Amino acid sequence: MRSLKIMSMISGLVLAAGALITAQPAAAEGADTPAPPAEFTSDWHDPVTAAPPVTTPGTRSCEVTLAAAQFRDFTPYQGVYTPPKECGTRWNKVVLRLEGSVKGRQYDRLGHLTVGGVEILRTSTPQPSPDGITWSVEKDVTRYRDTLSRPQPVEMLIGNVVNETYTGVLDVRVTLTFHTAEGRVKPAEGTPDRVIPLTGSTLTTPRNTERVLAEVYATGSGGGCEEYWYLSVPDPAPYSCRAAEGPHREVQVSVDGRLAGIAAPFPTVWTGGWSNPFLWYVTPGPRAFDVRPVVYDLTPFAALLNDGRPHAVQVTVAGVPAGLAGWSTPTNVLLWQDEGSRVVTGALDRHEESAPRNSSVYTPVSGSTPQHVDTEAGHRLTVAGHLDTSHGRVDTTVSRTVGHTSVHRWGDDENPDALTARWTDDETVTTGRTVTRVHRAYTMDGETTVGAGDRLRTVLTLGDRADTVVVRDGRRLSWSVLDDTYSGDATYTTGVPRDQRHAVGTTTERYRLYGSDGCYDRTLTTVQGTLTRDLSRC
């Protein structure tokens, strides 16, 4: 992060059109672990994350290969998917697994996978060692049951560049494993009846729709300034990347021109981010390979959508400078239908929006205080509607509030360069007598400096947190707390060949998830690319 110019050169994430990363089993706490080398060598541990594996029921299963390709350029893989006859259509769980390998030299790349036009995976890649790495990604894709229940075209692309300098070919295989519902194991509950990709600017829903969710795989990338949107500054400030309104971004969904949903984008740091790939070789930052979609409950608008006509549904990212590219927002619409009605009627009853608040103030250097930009932003939206279904009137109210505070500090030639930031996204959905509350908080606190001998050091902490509670008639039905925290400290010599960087680095990730469904708590620590600690506490 010496400057965004250096960041772009080192990270180089290329946009091609969620998940769990796994690797070979790590050493258990207390077992003999290899002593780390004095500095990074030409090889290191395969990428691994502390996140939990996808749970499966242990019933009979069937595997289908969805895609297999070597990505050297921007030519997509295209194939055909056919559901496995051996496992029928009574599925309890469907798990996607990506297995990849790469060696040599290569930037991090962003990829997508669609089935029948529905995006079911968005992922980025690790940067390889000269000797080569393998990695895998798992994701629960049961919610796409409707799409996966019939033959579909498949497209996958991880845009890549291979030449004399960047030699890494991305060799990837993706499978789907269908776990059947047998005996006491029931078919998956709550999956949507229809999944429609938003391929244009209009949407036509079945007229008996009684629940509507939209999921948006929003990513700022492409190697330009929007890859580091959280560091952009207002126009008067002397910094590499400028945006008239500063760094605040908000992913918005509108229906027929009326704001229908707001959300804070997750501040993903890719595996070359903050000018320091040595932070990410083994342990990626939160969501770097789990590009989870932003989800919006649009049920208050269901009555309007149910008239059988096409309606304008648009996704935009507020705060992006006019005419500037860099964001991708592929969207799926998930629909639940009322089997007892041919047409579900109702109305949008309430629409209240606060005035968006966004203050991003630049302060020049003063004495020992570096130049800095202070940002405070927020927005609130409440929508409510009702539907007259075959099982009675159902009222739905969705309230969402987003907030952003950050302080960006930098010196001459953007050295040092530091950011302390926090984003919040609070949502309450009331459906009949059931209330679901989610409080999300994303944090980033780090600094990059370049010192004597062109030694670049990055110290960084990232946080991904969410508290969720479901209440009915005042009684708590379920609750969960997620806390995924990453911290890293890495140093290397810039401007020299790879074997002369003399890089050192330590990273730690602790992933905690606990609540009414149990407890999961795992910590991973790496030193110079060697996994030195793997501790489970639950």
Protein backbone atom coordinates (compact mmCIF):
# COMPACT_ATOMS: atom_id res chain seq x y z
CA MET A 1 0.00 0.00 0.00
CA ARG A 2 2.97 2.31 -0.51
CA SER A 3 0.71 3.76 -3.13
CA LEU A 4 -2.19 2.49 -5.15
CA LYS A 5 0.15 2.53 -8.14
CA ILE A 6 2.27 -0.13 -6.46
CA MET A 7 -0.83 -1.92 -5.21
CA SER A 8 -2.20 -2.27 -8.70
CA MET A 9 1.13 -3.48 -10.04
CA ILE A 10 1.53 -6.17 -7.38
CA SER A 11 -2.04 -7.31 -6.95
CA GLY A 12 -3.17 -7.20 -10.57
CA LEU A 13 -6.51 -8.87 -9.93
CA VAL A 14 -8.16 -9.41 -13.32
CA LEU A 15 -11.95 -9.51 -13.57
CA ALA A 16 -13.40 -12.48 -15.32
CA ALA A 17 -16.91 -12.36 -15.95
CA GLY A 18 -18.60 -18.41 -1.55
CA ALA A 19 -16.98 -20.93 -0.44
CA LEU A 20 -14.65 -22.71 1.92
CA ILE A 21 -10.98 -23.22 1.18
CA THR A 22 -9.47 -26.46 2.25
CA ALA A 23 -6.06 -28.01 1.92
CA GLN A 24 -4.16 -31.03 3.12
CA PRO A 25 -4.87 -31.76 6.80
CA ALA A 26 -2.93 -29.44 9.06
CA ALA A 27 -0.92 -30.48 12.07
CA ALA A 28 -2.92 -30.67 15.28
CA GLU A 29 -2.14 -28.47 18.26
CA GLY A 30 0.60 -30.06 20.33
CA ALA A 31 1.84 -32.30 17.51
CA ASP A 32 5.28 -31.89 16.00
CA THR A 33 5.21 -29.11 13.43
CA PRO A 34 8.01 -28.25 11.02
CA ALA A 35 10.24 -25.41 12.09
CA PRO A 36 9.65 -22.43 9.83
CA PRO A 37 12.51 -21.29 7.60
CA ALA A 38 14.27 -18.00 8.29
CA GLU A 39 12.46 -16.48 5.30
CA PHE A 40 10.06 -17.51 2.54
CA THR A 41 11.49 -20.13 0.18
CA SER A 42 10.36 -21.25 -3.29
CA ASP A 43 7.55 -23.30 -1.76
CA TRP A 44 5.03 -22.98 1.06
CA HIS A 45 1.97 -24.65 2.58
CA ASP A 46 -1.07 -25.00 0.35
CA PRO A 47 -3.79 -22.36 0.97
CA VAL A 48 -5.95 -23.12 3.99
CA THR A 49 -8.62 -21.32 5.98
CA ALA A 50 -9.97 -21.73 9.49
CA ALA A 51 -13.59 -21.77 8.30
CA PRO A 52 -15.67 -24.92 8.98
CA PRO A 53 -16.31 -27.57 6.33
CA VAL A 54 -19.73 -27.99 4.73
CA THR A 55 -21.70 -30.46 6.84
CA THR A 56 -23.31 -33.42 5.05
CA PRO A 57 -25.92 -35.98 6.22
CA GLY A 58 -23.87 -39.14 5.58
CA THR A 59 -26.44 -40.61 3.19
CA ARG A 60 -25.92 -42.07 -0.28
CA SER A 61 -24.34 -39.55 -2.64
CA CYS A 62 -23.62 -39.02 -6.34
CA GLU A 63 -20.90 -36.89 -7.93
CA VAL A 64 -21.08 -35.01 -11.21
CA THR A 65 -18.22 -33.18 -12.89
CA LEU A 66 -19.47 -29.68 -13.67
CA ALA A 67 -16.35 -28.20 -15.32
CA ALA A 68 -12.73 -29.13 -16.02
CA ALA A 69 -10.41 -26.65 -17.71
CA GLN A 70 -6.99 -25.04 -17.84
CA PHE A 71 -7.35 -21.27 -17.86
CA ARG A 72 -4.63 -19.50 -19.84
CA ASP A 73 -6.58 -16.52 -21.19
CA PHE A 74 -10.12 -15.14 -21.26
CA THR A 75 -11.71 -18.04 -23.11
CA PRO A 76 -14.56 -19.44 -21.01
CA TYR A 77 -15.15 -23.12 -20.43
CA GLN A 78 -18.54 -24.19 -21.80
CA GLY A 79 -20.24 -27.49 -21.14
CA VAL A 80 -23.53 -29.17 -20.32
CA TYR A 81 -24.78 -30.28 -16.90
CA THR A 82 -27.08 -33.28 -16.43
CA PRO A 83 -28.48 -34.21 -12.99
CA PRO A 84 -27.39 -37.65 -11.72
CA LYS A 85 -30.18 -40.19 -12.26
CA GLU A 86 -28.83 -42.42 -9.49
CA CYS A 87 -29.69 -39.88 -6.77
CA GLY A 88 -33.11 -38.77 -8.00
CA THR A 89 -34.27 -35.30 -7.00
CA ARG A 90 -34.76 -35.79 -3.23
CA TRP A 91 -31.61 -34.06 -2.05
CA ASN A 92 -30.72 -33.07 1.48
CA LYS A 93 -27.53 -31.25 0.52
CA VAL A 94 -25.67 -30.34 -2.68
CA VAL A 95 -21.99 -29.44 -2.28
CA LEU A 96 -19.85 -27.79 -4.93
CA ARG A 97 -16.11 -28.48 -4.82
CA LEU A 98 -13.44 -26.73 -6.84
CA GLU A 99 -9.96 -28.30 -6.97
CA GLY A 100 -7.17 -26.26 -8.48
CA SER A 101 -3.43 -26.31 -9.05
CA VAL A 102 -0.96 -23.72 -10.34
CA LYS A 103 2.78 -23.16 -10.23
CA GLY A 104 5.28 -20.57 -11.39
CA ARG A 105 4.31 -16.93 -11.27
CA GLN A 106 0.80 -15.51 -11.54
CA TYR A 107 -1.43 -12.76 -10.23
CA ASP A 108 -4.62 -13.43 -8.30
CA ARG A 109 -7.58 -13.87 -10.65
CA LEU A 110 -11.33 -13.59 -10.20
CA GLY A 111 -13.64 -16.24 -11.63
CA HIS A 112 -17.28 -17.20 -11.94
CA LEU A 113 -19.32 -20.32 -12.64
CA THR A 114 -22.88 -20.27 -13.98
CA VAL A 115 -25.40 -23.06 -14.52
CA GLY A 116 -28.34 -22.15 -16.73
CA GLY A 117 -27.25 -18.53 -16.44
CA VAL A 118 -27.46 -18.67 -12.63
CA GLU A 119 -24.20 -17.75 -10.93
CA ILE A 120 -23.51 -20.40 -8.30
CA LEU A 121 -19.87 -19.61 -7.54
CA ARG A 122 -17.71 -16.51 -7.56
CA THR A 123 -14.16 -17.06 -6.39
CA SER A 124 -10.65 -15.69 -6.61
CA THR A 125 -7.39 -17.61 -6.79
CA PRO A 126 -4.26 -17.84 -4.64
CA GLN A 127 -0.90 -16.73 -5.95
CA PRO A 128 1.39 -19.72 -6.61
CA SER A 129 4.84 -20.65 -5.44
CA PRO A 130 7.52 -21.47 -8.04
CA ASP A 131 7.24 -25.12 -7.00
CA GLY A 132 3.45 -25.10 -7.24
CA ILE A 133 0.40 -25.25 -4.97
CA THR A 134 -2.95 -27.01 -4.88
CA TRP A 135 -6.10 -25.73 -3.25
CA SER A 136 -9.78 -26.54 -3.03
CA VAL A 137 -13.00 -24.63 -2.43
CA GLU A 138 -16.26 -26.01 -1.06
CA LYS A 139 -19.64 -24.35 -1.10
CA ASP A 140 -23.16 -25.37 -0.13
CA VAL A 141 -25.27 -24.80 -3.26
CA THR A 142 -28.46 -26.54 -2.10
CA ARG A 143 -30.45 -23.33 -2.54
CA TYR A 144 -30.03 -23.69 -6.32
CA ARG A 145 -32.06 -26.93 -6.29
CA ASP A 146 -34.47 -25.56 -8.91
CA THR A 147 -31.64 -24.84 -11.35
CA LEU A 148 -29.84 -28.14 -10.67
CA SER A 149 -32.95 -30.30 -11.10
CA ARG A 150 -32.73 -30.30 -14.93
CA PRO A 151 -30.09 -30.24 -17.70
CA GLN A 152 -28.44 -26.84 -18.10
CA PRO A 153 -25.62 -25.14 -20.02
CA VAL A 154 -22.50 -24.47 -17.94
CA GLU A 155 -20.03 -21.61 -18.26
CA MET A 156 -16.91 -21.00 -16.19
CA LEU A 157 -14.23 -18.36 -16.57
CA ILE A 158 -11.16 -17.47 -14.55
CA GLY A 159 -9.63 -14.79 -16.74
CA ASN A 160 -5.87 -15.30 -16.91
CA VAL A 161 -2.78 -14.08 -18.74
CA VAL A 162 0.08 -16.48 -19.47
CA ASN A 163 3.31 -15.29 -21.09
CA GLU A 164 7.07 -15.36 -20.59
CA THR A 165 6.73 -13.58 -17.22
CA TYR A 166 3.43 -14.81 -15.82
CA THR A 167 3.67 -18.56 -16.32
CA GLY A 168 0.96 -19.89 -14.01
CA VAL A 169 -1.74 -21.90 -15.79
CA LEU A 170 -4.83 -22.39 -13.62
CA ASP A 171 -5.81 -26.07 -13.77
CA VAL A 172 -9.31 -26.39 -12.30
CA ARG A 173 -11.92 -29.13 -11.82
CA VAL A 174 -15.36 -28.50 -10.32
CA THR A 175 -17.75 -31.17 -9.09
CA LEU A 176 -21.19 -31.33 -7.51
CA THR A 177 -21.93 -33.96 -4.87
CA PHE A 178 -25.62 -34.73 -4.27
CA HIS A 179 -26.42 -36.11 -0.81
CA THR A 180 -29.76 -37.88 -0.85
CA ALA A 181 -32.66 -37.67 1.59
CA GLU A 182 -33.17 -41.16 3.01
CA GLY A 183 -34.75 -42.59 6.14
CA ARG A 184 -34.88 -39.88 8.79
CA VAL A 185 -32.88 -37.49 6.60
CA LYS A 186 -35.41 -35.19 4.96
CA PRO A 187 -35.09 -33.22 1.71
CA ALA A 188 -33.66 -29.73 2.15
CA GLU A 189 -36.25 -27.36 3.53
CA GLY A 190 -36.80 -23.75 2.60
CA THR A 191 -35.16 -23.81 -0.83
CA PRO A 192 -36.74 -21.51 -3.43
CA ASP A 193 -39.16 -22.84 -6.03
CA ARG A 194 -37.57 -20.76 -8.78
CA VAL A 195 -34.16 -19.17 -9.31
CA ILE A 196 -34.04 -16.58 -12.08
CA PRO A 197 -30.81 -14.91 -13.23
CA LEU A 198 -31.22 -11.18 -13.75
CA THR A 199 -29.72 -11.15 -17.24
CA GLY A 200 -31.23 -7.85 -18.32
CA SER A 201 -32.91 -4.90 -16.68
CA THR A 202 -36.37 -6.47 -16.31
CA LEU A 203 -37.90 -9.25 -14.25
CA THR A 204 -41.19 -11.12 -14.66
CA THR A 205 -42.20 -13.32 -11.74
CA PRO A 206 -44.82 -16.09 -11.45
CA ARG A 207 -48.09 -14.49 -10.37
CA ASN A 208 -48.36 -16.61 -7.22
CA THR A 209 -45.01 -15.53 -5.77
CA GLU A 210 -45.13 -15.06 -1.99
CA ARG A 211 -41.46 -14.47 -1.15
CA VAL A 212 -38.70 -12.73 -3.11
CA LEU A 213 -34.98 -12.58 -2.36
CA ALA A 214 -32.27 -11.11 -4.53
CA GLU A 215 -28.63 -12.13 -4.17
CA VAL A 216 -25.94 -9.90 -5.68
CA TYR A 217 -22.35 -11.09 -6.12
CA ALA A 218 -20.96 -7.56 -5.82
CA THR A 219 -17.19 -7.28 -6.33
CA GLY A 220 -15.02 -4.25 -6.89
CA SER A 221 -12.00 -5.37 -8.87
CA GLY A 222 -10.28 -5.25 -12.23
CA GLY A 223 -6.93 -3.84 -11.15
CA GLY A 224 -8.15 -0.22 -11.06
CA CYS A 225 -9.10 2.10 -8.25
CA GLU A 226 -12.39 0.37 -7.43
CA GLU A 227 -10.40 -2.69 -6.39
CA TYR A 228 -9.34 -0.49 -3.45
CA TRP A 229 -12.53 1.56 -3.24
CA TYR A 230 -12.17 1.89 0.55
CA LEU A 231 -8.96 3.94 0.02
CA SER A 232 -10.28 6.45 -2.52
CA VAL A 233 -10.28 10.11 -1.48
CA PRO A 234 -12.31 13.20 -2.46
CA ASP A 235 -11.04 15.25 -5.41
CA PRO A 236 -9.00 17.92 -3.55
CA ALA A 237 -6.77 15.34 -1.82
CA PRO A 238 -3.40 14.44 -3.42
CA TYR A 239 -3.71 10.66 -3.66
CA SER A 240 -3.52 8.05 -6.42
CA CYS A 241 -7.24 7.27 -6.52
CA ARG A 242 -9.93 9.89 -6.24
CA ALA A 243 -13.71 9.80 -6.06
CA ALA A 244 -15.76 12.94 -5.76
CA GLU A 245 -17.73 11.57 -2.81
CA GLY A 246 -14.84 9.74 -1.17
CA PRO A 247 -14.63 6.02 -0.28
CA HIS A 248 -18.22 5.30 0.72
CA ARG A 249 -19.93 2.67 -1.43
CA GLU A 250 -23.41 1.22 -1.15
CA VAL A 251 -24.92 -1.62 -3.19
CA GLN A 252 -28.51 -0.70 -4.05
CA VAL A 253 -31.43 -2.55 -5.66
CA SER A 254 -34.35 -0.68 -7.19
CA VAL A 255 -37.73 -1.88 -8.49
CA ASP A 256 -39.39 0.28 -11.13
CA GLY A 257 -37.11 3.15 -10.17
CA ARG A 258 -37.92 2.99 -6.46
CA LEU A 259 -35.19 2.06 -3.98
CA ALA A 260 -35.94 -1.45 -2.73
CA GLY A 261 -32.78 -2.51 -0.89
CA ILE A 262 -29.48 -1.15 0.43
CA ALA A 263 -26.36 -2.90 1.73
CA ALA A 264 -22.74 -2.30 2.66
CA PRO A 265 -20.35 -4.14 0.33
CA PHE A 266 -17.80 -6.38 2.00
CA PRO A 267 -14.27 -4.85 1.81
CA THR A 268 -12.60 -7.90 0.25
CA VAL A 269 -8.80 -7.93 0.17
CA TRP A 270 -7.59 -10.19 -2.61
CA THR A 271 -4.43 -12.30 -2.40
CA GLY A 272 -2.12 -9.59 -3.70
CA GLY A 273 -3.74 -6.80 -1.73
CA TRP A 274 -2.11 -4.10 0.36
CA SER A 275 1.03 -4.38 -1.83
CA ASN A 276 2.03 -7.56 -0.01
CA PRO A 277 1.28 -11.04 -1.41
CA PHE A 278 3.29 -12.61 1.42
CA LEU A 279 0.35 -11.90 3.72
CA TRP A 280 -1.93 -14.20 1.73
CA TYR A 281 0.12 -17.08 0.31
CA VAL A 282 -1.23 -19.55 2.87
CA THR A 283 -4.05 -17.80 4.72
CA PRO A 284 -6.37 -15.63 2.61
CA GLY A 285 -8.31 -12.75 4.11
CA PRO A 286 -11.99 -13.25 4.98
CA ARG A 287 -14.11 -14.06 1.92
CA ALA A 288 -11.21 -13.79 -0.53
CA PHE A 289 -12.21 -17.20 -1.88
CA ASP A 290 -15.76 -17.04 -0.50
CA VAL A 291 -17.31 -14.22 -2.51
CA ARG A 292 -20.66 -14.50 -0.80
CA PRO A 293 -23.54 -12.56 -2.32
CA VAL A 294 -25.31 -9.65 -0.67
CA VAL A 295 -28.89 -10.81 0.02
CA TYR A 296 -31.95 -8.55 -0.07
CA ASP A 297 -35.50 -9.41 1.01
CA LEU A 298 -37.74 -7.85 -1.63
CA THR A 299 -40.96 -9.52 -0.45
CA PRO A 300 -42.70 -6.17 0.25
CA PHE A 301 -42.58 -5.63 -3.52
CA ALA A 302 -44.02 -9.06 -4.40
CA ALA A 303 -47.57 -7.78 -4.94
CA LEU A 304 -46.30 -5.24 -7.49
CA LEU A 305 -44.24 -7.87 -9.27
CA ASN A 306 -47.12 -10.35 -9.40
CA ASP A 307 -49.10 -8.51 -12.10
CA GLY A 308 -47.61 -10.67 -14.84
CA ARG A 309 -45.76 -7.80 -16.48
CA PRO A 310 -42.01 -7.18 -16.74
CA HIS A 311 -40.66 -4.82 -14.11
CA ALA A 312 -37.42 -2.86 -14.08
CA VAL A 313 -35.00 -4.27 -11.50
CA GLN A 314 -31.61 -2.60 -11.35
CA VAL A 315 -28.49 -3.02 -9.22
CA THR A 316 -26.14 -0.08 -8.79
CA VAL A 317 -23.18 0.82 -6.59
CA ALA A 318 -23.57 4.32 -5.14
CA GLY A 319 -20.40 6.34 -4.75
CA VAL A 320 -18.59 5.09 -7.86
CA PRO A 321 -17.39 8.06 -9.94
CA ALA A 322 -19.49 8.60 -13.05
CA GLY A 323 -18.22 6.63 -16.02
CA LEU A 324 -15.75 4.59 -13.97
CA ALA A 325 -15.81 0.81 -14.34
CA GLY A 326 -14.62 -1.70 -11.77
CA TRP A 327 -17.72 -3.25 -10.18
CA SER A 328 -19.44 -6.45 -11.16
CA THR A 329 -22.94 -7.17 -9.81
CA PRO A 330 -24.33 -10.47 -11.20
CA THR A 331 -27.71 -11.08 -9.60
CA ASN A 332 -30.02 -14.03 -8.98
CA VAL A 333 -33.66 -13.68 -7.93
CA LEU A 334 -34.96 -16.43 -5.62
CA LEU A 335 -38.73 -16.98 -5.58
CA TRP A 336 -41.10 -18.97 -3.37
CA GLN A 337 -44.60 -19.69 -4.74
CA ASP A 338 -47.96 -20.22 -3.06
CA GLU A 339 -49.12 -23.67 -4.20
CA GLY A 340 -52.68 -22.90 -3.14
CA SER A 341 -53.10 -19.78 -5.29
CA ARG A 342 -52.88 -18.98 -8.98
CA VAL A 343 -52.45 -15.27 -8.23
CA VAL A 344 -51.24 -13.72 -4.99
CA THR A 345 -52.36 -10.12 -4.52
CA GLY A 346 -51.49 -7.45 -1.98
CA ALA A 347 -49.78 -4.07 -1.85
CA LEU A 348 -46.66 -2.13 -0.96
CA ASP A 349 -47.85 -0.36 2.18
CA ARG A 350 -44.86 1.67 3.36
CA HIS A 351 -41.66 3.12 1.94
CA GLU A 352 -39.46 5.30 4.14
CA GLU A 353 -35.93 6.38 3.31
CA SER A 354 -33.60 8.64 5.23
CA ALA A 355 -31.51 11.20 3.40
CA PRO A 356 -28.16 9.52 2.59
CA ARG A 357 -25.42 10.91 4.81
CA ASN A 358 -21.87 11.05 3.43
CA SER A 359 -19.14 13.32 4.73
CA SER A 360 -15.59 12.76 3.48
CA VAL A 361 -13.24 15.55 4.58
CA TYR A 362 -9.62 15.99 3.56
CA THR A 363 -7.18 17.58 6.03
CA PRO A 364 -3.69 18.56 4.78
CA VAL A 365 -0.56 17.74 6.75
CA SER A 366 -0.09 19.85 9.87
CA GLY A 367 3.05 19.55 11.96
CA SER A 368 3.41 15.91 13.01
CA THR A 369 -0.14 15.05 11.88
CA PRO A 370 -0.18 13.41 8.42
CA GLN A 371 -2.66 14.35 5.76
CA HIS A 372 -5.84 12.36 6.15
CA VAL A 373 -9.42 11.85 5.03
CA ASP A 374 -12.15 11.33 7.62
CA THR A 375 -15.33 9.69 6.36
CA GLU A 376 -18.70 9.22 8.01
CA ALA A 377 -21.65 7.89 6.04
CA GLY A 378 -24.99 6.23 6.64
CA HIS A 379 -28.37 5.44 5.12
CA ARG A 380 -31.64 3.87 6.30
CA LEU A 381 -34.48 2.24 4.37
CA THR A 382 -37.74 0.69 5.58
CA VAL A 383 -40.25 -0.97 3.27
CA ALA A 384 -43.40 -2.89 4.19
CA GLY A 385 -46.03 -4.76 2.23
CA HIS A 386 -48.71 -7.42 2.56
CA LEU A 387 -49.81 -10.43 0.56
CA ASP A 388 -53.17 -12.21 0.60
CA THR A 389 -52.11 -15.84 0.31
CA SER A 390 -53.99 -19.14 0.44
CA HIS A 391 -52.93 -19.40 4.08
CA GLY A 392 -54.01 -15.90 5.06
CA ARG A 393 -52.67 -12.37 5.00
CA VAL A 394 -48.91 -12.10 5.49
CA ASP A 395 -47.29 -8.77 6.38
CA THR A 396 -43.57 -8.26 5.74
CA THR A 397 -41.46 -5.32 6.91
CA VAL A 398 -37.79 -4.94 6.02
CA SER A 399 -35.62 -2.30 7.72
CA ARG A 400 -31.95 -1.89 6.89
CA THR A 401 -29.38 0.63 8.08
CA VAL A 402 -25.83 0.91 6.76
CA GLY A 403 -22.96 2.91 8.26
CA HIS A 404 -19.33 3.66 7.43
CA THR A 405 -16.60 5.40 9.43
CA SER A 406 -12.97 5.52 8.37
CA VAL A 407 -9.74 7.47 8.74
CA HIS A 408 -7.24 7.26 5.88
CA ARG A 409 -3.74 8.64 6.62
CA TRP A 410 -0.73 8.93 4.32
CA GLY A 411 2.62 10.66 3.98
CA ASP A 412 4.79 11.91 1.13
CA ASP A 413 4.71 9.61 -1.87
CA GLU A 414 1.94 7.79 0.03
CA ASN A 415 4.51 6.40 2.46
CA PRO A 416 3.34 5.47 5.03
CA ASP A 417 -0.22 4.66 3.98
CA ALA A 418 -2.75 3.62 6.63
CA LEU A 419 -6.48 3.00 7.05
CA THR A 420 -8.74 2.37 10.02
CA ALA A 421 -12.30 1.61 8.94
CA ARG A 422 -15.56 0.06 10.09
CA TRP A 423 -18.70 -0.74 8.13
CA THR A 424 -22.03 -1.78 9.68
CA ASP A 425 -25.10 -3.31 8.04
CA ASP A 426 -28.07 -3.86 10.36
CA GLU A 427 -31.20 -5.59 9.07
CA THR A 428 -34.54 -6.51 10.62
CA VAL A 429 -37.09 -8.58 8.70
CA THR A 430 -40.54 -9.09 10.24
CA THR A 431 -42.73 -11.69 8.54
CA GLY A 432 -45.99 -12.27 10.33
CA ARG A 433 -45.05 -13.10 13.94
CA THR A 434 -41.42 -13.94 13.17
CA VAL A 435 -38.62 -11.38 13.47
CA THR A 436 -35.07 -11.93 12.17
CA ARG A 437 -32.38 -9.46 13.21
CA VAL A 438 -28.87 -9.41 11.76
CA HIS A 439 -26.07 -7.07 12.82
CA ARG A 440 -23.05 -7.16 10.49
CA ALA A 441 -19.73 -5.40 11.09
CA TYR A 442 -16.68 -5.38 8.81
CA THR A 443 -13.37 -3.90 10.00
CA MET A 444 -10.00 -3.04 8.49
CA ASP A 445 -7.00 -1.63 10.36
CA GLY A 446 -3.59 -1.56 8.71
CA GLU A 447 -0.54 0.32 7.51
CA THR A 448 2.08 -0.15 4.78
CA THR A 449 5.48 1.54 4.97
CA VAL A 450 8.64 1.41 2.89
CA GLY A 451 11.80 1.82 4.94
CA ALA A 452 15.55 1.54 4.55
CA GLY A 453 16.74 -0.79 1.82
CA ASP A 454 13.32 -0.61 0.12
CA ARG A 455 11.90 -2.94 2.74
CA LEU A 456 8.11 -2.86 2.45
CA ARG A 457 6.17 -3.85 5.57
CA THR A 458 2.43 -4.34 5.92
CA VAL A 459 0.65 -4.84 9.24
CA LEU A 460 -3.05 -5.54 8.85
CA THR A 461 -6.09 -6.82 10.77
CA LEU A 462 -9.41 -7.66 9.09
CA GLY A 463 -12.71 -8.61 10.70
CA ASP A 464 -15.94 -10.19 9.44
CA ARG A 465 -18.64 -10.37 12.12
CA ALA A 466 -22.36 -11.08 12.23
CA ASP A 467 -24.88 -11.57 15.06
CA THR A 468 -28.19 -13.19 14.08
CA VAL A 469 -31.31 -13.89 16.16
CA VAL A 470 -34.74 -15.22 15.15
CA VAL A 471 -37.70 -14.50 17.45
CA ARG A 472 -41.34 -15.53 17.21
CA ASP A 473 -43.99 -14.08 19.51
CA GLY A 474 -41.17 -12.79 21.72
CA ARG A 475 -39.53 -16.22 22.09
CA ARG A 476 -36.06 -16.79 20.71
CA LEU A 477 -36.05 -19.62 18.15
CA SER A 478 -32.40 -19.53 17.11
CA TRP A 479 -29.27 -17.40 17.34
CA SER A 480 -25.68 -17.35 16.09
CA VAL A 481 -22.51 -15.29 16.38
CA LEU A 482 -19.84 -15.24 13.68
CA ASP A 483 -16.38 -13.74 14.25
CA ASP A 484 -13.75 -14.31 11.56
CA THR A 485 -10.58 -12.32 12.34
CA TYR A 486 -7.40 -12.24 10.29
CA SER A 487 -4.13 -10.54 11.28
CA GLY A 488 -0.84 -10.42 9.40
CA ASP A 489 2.60 -8.81 9.43
CA ALA A 490 4.88 -9.31 6.41
CA THR A 491 8.02 -7.61 5.07
CA TYR A 492 10.00 -7.97 1.84
CA THR A 493 12.42 -6.04 -0.39
CA THR A 494 10.75 -4.32 -3.34
CA GLY A 495 12.14 -3.80 -6.82
CA VAL A 496 14.30 -6.94 -6.89
CA PRO A 497 13.87 -10.43 -8.42
CA ARG A 498 11.66 -12.84 -6.55
CA ASP A 499 14.56 -14.84 -5.07
CA GLN A 500 16.11 -11.68 -3.60
CA ARG A 501 13.08 -10.39 -1.69
CA HIS A 502 14.11 -11.99 1.65
CA ALA A 503 10.49 -12.04 2.71
CA VAL A 504 9.26 -12.84 6.21
CA GLY A 505 5.72 -12.90 7.49
CA THR A 506 3.37 -14.15 10.20
CA THR A 507 -0.40 -14.57 9.83
CA THR A 508 -3.17 -15.75 12.14
CA GLU A 509 -6.82 -16.44 11.43
CA ARG A 510 -9.38 -17.31 14.09
CA TYR A 511 -12.84 -18.34 12.92
CA ARG A 512 -15.54 -18.59 15.59
CA LEU A 513 -19.15 -19.57 14.96
CA TYR A 514 -21.39 -20.44 17.87
CA GLY A 515 -25.04 -20.32 18.81
CA SER A 516 -28.13 -22.49 19.09
CA ASP A 517 -26.71 -25.01 16.57
CA GLY A 518 -23.45 -25.56 18.46
CA CYS A 519 -19.91 -24.22 18.48
CA TYR A 520 -16.98 -24.08 16.07
CA ASP A 521 -13.69 -22.36 16.92
CA ARG A 522 -10.44 -22.84 14.99
CA THR A 523 -7.18 -20.88 14.86
CA LEU A 524 -4.43 -21.16 12.23
CA THR A 525 -1.00 -19.51 12.43
CA THR A 526 1.67 -19.42 9.72
CA VAL A 527 5.29 -18.27 9.80
CA GLN A 528 7.22 -17.80 6.53
CA GLY A 529 4.64 -19.95 4.73
CA THR A 530 4.82 -22.81 7.25
CA LEU A 531 1.67 -23.76 9.18
CA THR A 532 2.85 -23.71 12.79
CA ARG A 533 -0.45 -23.84 14.68
CA ASP A 534 -3.84 -25.47 14.12
CA LEU A 535 -5.96 -25.22 17.25
CA SER A 536 -9.61 -26.20 17.67
CA ARG A 537 -11.36 -25.12 20.85
CA CYS A 538 -14.88 -26.58 20.52
